[in-house]
């Protein structure tokens, strides 16, 4: 499954995460009660690499079904 940074950002926002800041092309998200601060790269329509996608999903507590 190919997912862009924008698609992943929309999915984690639906789960209660919010944008803390933007550092270059990376959007850093936060959520009350969570220590993790996922940093999602936005590189146009380029898909995220599989390992990075899985790490960000695990950090944000979302599944593949949440991406749909």
PDB file of N, CA and C in Angstrom:
ATOM      1  N   UNK A   1       0.837  -1.176   0.000  1.00  0.00           N
ATOM      2  CA  UNK A   1       0.000   0.000   0.000  1.00  0.00           C
ATOM      3  C   UNK A   1       0.887   1.246   0.000  1.00  0.00           C
ATOM      4  N   UNK A   2       0.702   2.117  -0.978  1.00  0.00           N
ATOM      5  CA  UNK A   2       1.481   3.347  -1.053  1.00  0.00           C
ATOM      6  C   UNK A   2       0.710   4.481  -0.401  1.00  0.00           C
ATOM      7  N   UNK A   3       1.374   5.156   0.535  1.00  0.00           N
ATOM      8  CA  UNK A   3       0.750   6.235   1.291  1.00  0.00           C
ATOM      9  C   UNK A   3       1.682   7.440   1.258  1.00  0.00           C
ATOM     10  N   UNK A   4       1.129   8.609   0.957  1.00  0.00           N
ATOM     11  CA  UNK A   4       1.926   9.838   0.972  1.00  0.00           C
ATOM     12  C   UNK A   4       1.885  10.433   2.379  1.00  0.00           C
ATOM     13  N   UNK A   5       2.749  11.389   2.617  1.00  0.00           N
ATOM     14  CA  UNK A   5       2.764  12.071   3.901  1.00  0.00           C
ATOM     15  C   UNK A   5       1.437  12.756   4.183  1.00  0.00           C
ATOM     16  N   UNK A   6       0.841  13.347   3.149  1.00  0.00           N
ATOM     17  CA  UNK A   6      -0.438  14.039   3.313  1.00  0.00           C
ATOM     18  C   UNK A   6      -1.542  13.072   3.732  1.00  0.00           C
ATOM     19  N   UNK A   7      -1.577  11.883   3.122  1.00  0.00           N
ATOM     20  CA  UNK A   7      -2.594  10.885   3.461  1.00  0.00           C
ATOM     21  C   UNK A   7      -2.426  10.407   4.904  1.00  0.00           C
ATOM     22  N   UNK A   8      -1.182  10.183   5.314  1.00  0.00           N
ATOM     23  CA  UNK A   8      -0.928   9.736   6.681  1.00  0.00           C
ATOM     24  C   UNK A   8      -1.298  10.832   7.679  1.00  0.00           C
ATOM     25  N   UNK A   9      -0.997  12.080   7.358  1.00  0.00           N
ATOM     26  CA  UNK A   9      -1.326  13.189   8.248  1.00  0.00           C
ATOM     27  C   UNK A   9      -2.837  13.285   8.454  1.00  0.00           C
ATOM     28  N   UNK A  10      -3.601  13.134   7.398  1.00  0.00           N
ATOM     29  CA  UNK A  10      -5.065  13.188   7.517  1.00  0.00           C
ATOM     30  C   UNK A  10      -5.575  12.051   8.397  1.00  0.00           C
ATOM     31  N   UNK A  11      -4.960  10.872   8.266  1.00  0.00           N
ATOM     32  CA  UNK A  11      -5.388   9.711   9.055  1.00  0.00           C
ATOM     33  C   UNK A  11      -5.109   9.920  10.545  1.00  0.00           C
ATOM     34  N   UNK A  12      -3.929  10.452  10.892  1.00  0.00           N
ATOM     35  CA  UNK A  12      -3.645  10.613  12.321  1.00  0.00           C
ATOM     36  C   UNK A  12      -4.427  11.795  12.903  1.00  0.00           C
ATOM     37  N   UNK A  13      -4.741  12.788  12.087  1.00  0.00           N
ATOM     38  CA  UNK A  13      -5.574  13.894  12.577  1.00  0.00           C
ATOM     39  C   UNK A  13      -6.973  13.400  12.941  1.00  0.00           C
ATOM     40  N   UNK A  14      -7.471  12.412  12.192  1.00  0.00           N
ATOM     41  CA  UNK A  14      -8.781  11.831  12.518  1.00  0.00           C
ATOM     42  C   UNK A  14      -8.740  11.096  13.855  1.00  0.00           C
ATOM     43  N   UNK A  15      -7.556  10.693  14.304  1.00  0.00           N
ATOM     44  CA  UNK A  15      -7.392   9.972  15.576  1.00  0.00           C
ATOM     45  C   UNK A  15      -7.054  10.909  16.737  1.00  0.00           C
ATOM     46  N   UNK A  16      -7.165  12.222  16.519  1.00  0.00           N
ATOM     47  CA  UNK A  16      -6.973  13.163  17.612  1.00  0.00           C
ATOM     48  C   UNK A  16      -5.613  13.838  17.676  1.00  0.00           C
ATOM     49  N   UNK A  17      -4.716  13.533  16.748  1.00  0.00           N
ATOM     50  CA  UNK A  17      -3.413  14.186  16.722  1.00  0.00           C
ATOM     51  C   UNK A  17      -3.570  15.563  16.093  1.00  0.00           C
ATOM     52  N   UNK A  18      -2.714  16.497  16.480  1.00  0.00           N
ATOM     53  CA  UNK A  18      -2.767  17.837  15.908  1.00  0.00           C
ATOM     54  C   UNK A  18      -1.356  18.313  15.564  1.00  0.00           C
ATOM     55  N   UNK A  19      -1.298  19.235  14.632  1.00  0.00           N
ATOM     56  CA  UNK A  19      -0.021  19.765  14.140  1.00  0.00           C
ATOM     57  C   UNK A  19       0.589  20.687  15.186  1.00  0.00           C
ATOM     58  N   UNK A  20       1.797  20.342  15.646  1.00  0.00           N
ATOM     59  CA  UNK A  20       2.517  21.182  16.598  1.00  0.00           C
ATOM     60  C   UNK A  20       3.319  22.250  15.881  1.00  0.00           C
ATOM     61  N   UNK A  21       4.077  21.811  14.875  1.00  0.00           N
ATOM     62  CA  UNK A  21       4.936  22.743  14.148  1.00  0.00           C
ATOM     63  C   UNK A  21       5.361  22.112  12.824  1.00  0.00           C
ATOM     64  N   UNK A  22       5.920  22.940  11.974  1.00  0.00           N
ATOM     65  CA  UNK A  22       6.480  22.479  10.706  1.00  0.00           C
ATOM     66  C   UNK A  22       7.952  22.841  10.715  1.00  0.00           C
ATOM     67  N   UNK A  23       8.783  21.851  10.444  1.00  0.00           N
ATOM     68  CA  UNK A  23      10.227  22.059  10.388  1.00  0.00           C
ATOM     69  C   UNK A  23      10.690  21.637   9.003  1.00  0.00           C
ATOM     70  N   UNK A  24      10.850  22.596   8.107  1.00  0.00           N
ATOM     71  CA  UNK A  24      11.212  22.281   6.729  1.00  0.00           C
ATOM     72  C   UNK A  24      10.056  21.586   6.055  1.00  0.00           C
ATOM     73  N   UNK A  25      10.295  20.377   5.548  1.00  0.00           N
ATOM     74  CA  UNK A  25       9.240  19.625   4.874  1.00  0.00           C
ATOM     75  C   UNK A  25       8.602  18.582   5.792  1.00  0.00           C
ATOM     76  N   UNK A  26       8.899  18.657   7.085  1.00  0.00           N
ATOM     77  CA  UNK A  26       8.350  17.692   8.040  1.00  0.00           C
ATOM     78  C   UNK A  26       7.322  18.347   8.942  1.00  0.00           C
ATOM     79  N   UNK A  27       6.196  17.678   9.110  1.00  0.00           N
ATOM     80  CA  UNK A  27       5.136  18.141   9.993  1.00  0.00           C
ATOM     81  C   UNK A  27       5.194  17.306  11.262  1.00  0.00           C
ATOM     82  N   UNK A  28       5.332  17.977  12.402  1.00  0.00           N
ATOM     83  CA  UNK A  28       5.459  17.288  13.674  1.00  0.00           C
ATOM     84  C   UNK A  28       4.120  17.372  14.400  1.00  0.00           C
ATOM     85  N   UNK A  29       3.629  16.203  14.830  1.00  0.00           N
ATOM     86  CA  UNK A  29       2.309  16.099  15.448  1.00  0.00           C
ATOM     87  C   UNK A  29       2.429  15.746  16.920  1.00  0.00           C
ATOM     88  N   UNK A  30       1.416  16.116  17.687  1.00  0.00           N
ATOM     89  CA  UNK A  30       1.353  15.801  19.104  1.00  0.00           C
ATOM     90  C   UNK A  30      -0.071  15.451  19.501  1.00  0.00           C
ATOM     91  N   UNK A  31      -0.187  14.863  20.678  1.00  0.00           N
ATOM     92  CA  UNK A  31      -1.500  14.483  21.207  1.00  0.00           C
ATOM     93  C   UNK A  31      -1.391  14.474  22.725  1.00  0.00           C
ATOM     94  N   UNK A  32      -2.350  15.080  23.426  1.00  0.00           N
ATOM     95  CA  UNK A  32      -2.294  15.060  24.891  1.00  0.00           C
ATOM     96  C   UNK A  32      -2.219  13.627  25.428  1.00  0.00           C
ATOM     97  N   UNK A  33      -1.309  13.422  26.360  1.00  0.00           N
ATOM     98  CA  UNK A  33      -1.154  12.099  26.972  1.00  0.00           C
ATOM     99  C   UNK A  33      -0.219  11.172  26.220  1.00  0.00           C
ATOM    100  N   UNK A  34       0.322  11.607  25.105  1.00  0.00           N
ATOM    101  CA  UNK A  34       1.236  10.778  24.298  1.00  0.00           C
ATOM    102  C   UNK A  34       2.634  11.384  24.335  1.00  0.00           C
ATOM    103  N   UNK A  35       3.624  10.550  24.527  1.00  0.00           N
ATOM    104  CA  UNK A  35       5.014  11.023  24.508  1.00  0.00           C
ATOM    105  C   UNK A  35       5.551  11.118  23.093  1.00  0.00           C
ATOM    106  N   UNK A  36       5.064  10.253  22.212  1.00  0.00           N
ATOM    107  CA  UNK A  36       5.551  10.222  20.834  1.00  0.00           C
ATOM    108  C   UNK A  36       5.165  11.513  20.119  1.00  0.00           C
ATOM    109  N   UNK A  37       6.031  11.954  19.232  1.00  0.00           N
ATOM    110  CA  UNK A  37       5.772  13.122  18.402  1.00  0.00           C
ATOM    111  C   UNK A  37       6.128  12.739  16.963  1.00  0.00           C
ATOM    112  N   UNK A  38       5.188  12.093  16.257  1.00  0.00           N
ATOM    113  CA  UNK A  38       5.471  11.662  14.887  1.00  0.00           C
ATOM    114  C   UNK A  38       5.858  12.839  13.990  1.00  0.00           C
ATOM    115  N   UNK A  39       6.904  12.655  13.212  1.00  0.00           N
ATOM    116  CA  UNK A  39       7.383  13.661  12.269  1.00  0.00           C
ATOM    117  C   UNK A  39       7.162  13.110  10.866  1.00  0.00           C
ATOM    118  N   UNK A  40       6.161  13.645  10.182  1.00  0.00           N
ATOM    119  CA  UNK A  40       5.755  13.116   8.879  1.00  0.00           C
ATOM    120  C   UNK A  40       6.364  13.952   7.764  1.00  0.00           C
ATOM    121  N   UNK A  41       7.163  13.333   6.877  1.00  0.00           N
ATOM    122  CA  UNK A  41       7.728  14.079   5.759  1.00  0.00           C
ATOM    123  C   UNK A  41       6.695  14.330   4.664  1.00  0.00           C
ATOM    124  N   UNK A  42       6.668  15.540   4.165  1.00  0.00           N
ATOM    125  CA  UNK A  42       5.798  15.924   3.048  1.00  0.00           C
ATOM    126  C   UNK A  42       6.698  16.200   1.856  1.00  0.00           C
ATOM    127  N   UNK A  43       6.732  15.262   0.924  1.00  0.00           N
ATOM    128  CA  UNK A  43       7.550  15.402  -0.280  1.00  0.00           C
ATOM    129  C   UNK A  43       6.672  15.230  -1.507  1.00  0.00           C
ATOM    130  N   UNK A  44       5.722  16.129  -1.646  1.00  0.00           N
ATOM    131  CA  UNK A  44       4.821  16.090  -2.798  1.00  0.00           C
ATOM    132  C   UNK A  44       3.980  14.828  -2.797  1.00  0.00           C
ATOM    133  N   UNK A  45       3.880  14.208  -3.952  1.00  0.00           N
ATOM    134  CA  UNK A  45       3.075  12.989  -4.105  1.00  0.00           C
ATOM    135  C   UNK A  45       3.911  11.729  -3.916  1.00  0.00           C
ATOM    136  N   UNK A  46       5.142  11.882  -3.423  1.00  0.00           N
ATOM    137  CA  UNK A  46       6.030  10.741  -3.227  1.00  0.00           C
ATOM    138  C   UNK A  46       5.557   9.893  -2.042  1.00  0.00           C
ATOM    139  N   UNK A  47       5.480   8.585  -2.256  1.00  0.00           N
ATOM    140  CA  UNK A  47       5.030   7.653  -1.206  1.00  0.00           C
ATOM    141  C   UNK A  47       6.105   7.502  -0.137  1.00  0.00           C
ATOM    142  N   UNK A  48       5.659   7.307   1.107  1.00  0.00           N
ATOM    143  CA  UNK A  48       6.576   7.042   2.205  1.00  0.00           C
ATOM    144  C   UNK A  48       7.137   5.633   2.063  1.00  0.00           C
ATOM    145  N   UNK A  49       8.362   5.447   2.491  1.00  0.00           N
ATOM    146  CA  UNK A  49       8.952   4.108   2.459  1.00  0.00           C
ATOM    147  C   UNK A  49       8.265   3.248   3.508  1.00  0.00           C
ATOM    148  N   UNK A  50       8.204   1.968   3.246  1.00  0.00           N
ATOM    149  CA  UNK A  50       7.422   1.033   4.060  1.00  0.00           C
ATOM    150  C   UNK A  50       7.852   1.037   5.525  1.00  0.00           C
ATOM    151  N   UNK A  51       9.136   0.984   5.795  1.00  0.00           N
ATOM    152  CA  UNK A  51       9.616   0.955   7.184  1.00  0.00           C
ATOM    153  C   UNK A  51       9.230   2.213   7.948  1.00  0.00           C
ATOM    154  N   UNK A  52       9.402   3.364   7.311  1.00  0.00           N
ATOM    155  CA  UNK A  52       9.042   4.630   7.943  1.00  0.00           C
ATOM    156  C   UNK A  52       7.536   4.699   8.178  1.00  0.00           C
ATOM    157  N   UNK A  53       6.763   4.271   7.201  1.00  0.00           N
ATOM    158  CA  UNK A  53       5.306   4.274   7.328  1.00  0.00           C
ATOM    159  C   UNK A  53       4.867   3.434   8.525  1.00  0.00           C
ATOM    160  N   UNK A  54       5.420   2.235   8.665  1.00  0.00           N
ATOM    161  CA  UNK A  54       5.048   1.356   9.771  1.00  0.00           C
ATOM    162  C   UNK A  54       5.451   1.944  11.125  1.00  0.00           C
ATOM    163  N   UNK A  55       6.632   2.586  11.185  1.00  0.00           N
ATOM    164  CA  UNK A  55       7.064   3.204  12.436  1.00  0.00           C
ATOM    165  C   UNK A  55       6.132   4.347  12.813  1.00  0.00           C
ATOM    166  N   UNK A  56       5.781   5.197  11.861  1.00  0.00           N
ATOM    167  CA  UNK A  56       4.892   6.324  12.145  1.00  0.00           C
ATOM    168  C   UNK A  56       3.504   5.834  12.553  1.00  0.00           C
ATOM    169  N   UNK A  57       3.035   4.775  11.902  1.00  0.00           N
ATOM    170  CA  UNK A  57       1.726   4.214  12.252  1.00  0.00           C
ATOM    171  C   UNK A  57       1.755   3.658  13.680  1.00  0.00           C
ATOM    172  N   UNK A  58       2.824   2.967  14.032  1.00  0.00           N
ATOM    173  CA  UNK A  58       2.956   2.402  15.380  1.00  0.00           C
ATOM    174  C   UNK A  58       3.028   3.533  16.417  1.00  0.00           C
ATOM    175  N   UNK A  59       3.808   4.570  16.133  1.00  0.00           N
ATOM    176  CA  UNK A  59       3.932   5.699  17.059  1.00  0.00           C
ATOM    177  C   UNK A  59       2.593   6.406  17.272  1.00  0.00           C
ATOM    178  N   UNK A  60       1.797   6.519  16.196  1.00  0.00           N
ATOM    179  CA  UNK A  60       0.513   7.221  16.281  1.00  0.00           C
ATOM    180  C   UNK A  60      -0.621   6.307  16.711  1.00  0.00           C
ATOM    181  N   UNK A  61      -0.368   5.008  16.775  1.00  0.00           N
ATOM    182  CA  UNK A  61      -1.405   4.065  17.211  1.00  0.00           C
ATOM    183  C   UNK A  61      -2.511   3.873  16.190  1.00  0.00           C
ATOM    184  N   UNK A  62      -2.155   3.870  14.903  1.00  0.00           N
ATOM    185  CA  UNK A  62      -3.161   3.653  13.871  1.00  0.00           C
ATOM    186  C   UNK A  62      -2.862   2.370  13.105  1.00  0.00           C
ATOM    187  N   UNK A  63      -3.881   1.842  12.442  1.00  0.00           N
ATOM    188  CA  UNK A  63      -3.739   0.627  11.659  1.00  0.00           C
ATOM    189  C   UNK A  63      -3.968   0.938  10.178  1.00  0.00           C
ATOM    190  N   UNK A  64      -3.784  -0.067   9.340  1.00  0.00           N
ATOM    191  CA  UNK A  64      -4.029   0.117   7.899  1.00  0.00           C
ATOM    192  C   UNK A  64      -5.473   0.496   7.635  1.00  0.00           C
ATOM    193  N   UNK A  65      -6.403  -0.023   8.431  1.00  0.00           N
ATOM    194  CA  UNK A  65      -7.819   0.319   8.246  1.00  0.00           C
ATOM    195  C   UNK A  65      -8.066   1.804   8.482  1.00  0.00           C
ATOM    196  N   UNK A  66      -7.273   2.432   9.342  1.00  0.00           N
ATOM    197  CA  UNK A  66      -7.422   3.872   9.613  1.00  0.00           C
ATOM    198  C   UNK A  66      -6.981   4.714   8.424  1.00  0.00           C
ATOM    199  N   UNK A  67      -6.191   4.139   7.542  1.00  0.00           N
ATOM    200  CA  UNK A  67      -5.699   4.882   6.370  1.00  0.00           C
ATOM    201  C   UNK A  67      -6.736   4.955   5.266  1.00  0.00           C
ATOM    202  N   UNK A  68      -7.776   4.175   5.337  1.00  0.00           N
ATOM    203  CA  UNK A  68      -8.783   4.124   4.284  1.00  0.00           C
ATOM    204  C   UNK A  68      -9.816   5.207   4.449  1.00  0.00           C
TER     205      UNK A  68
END
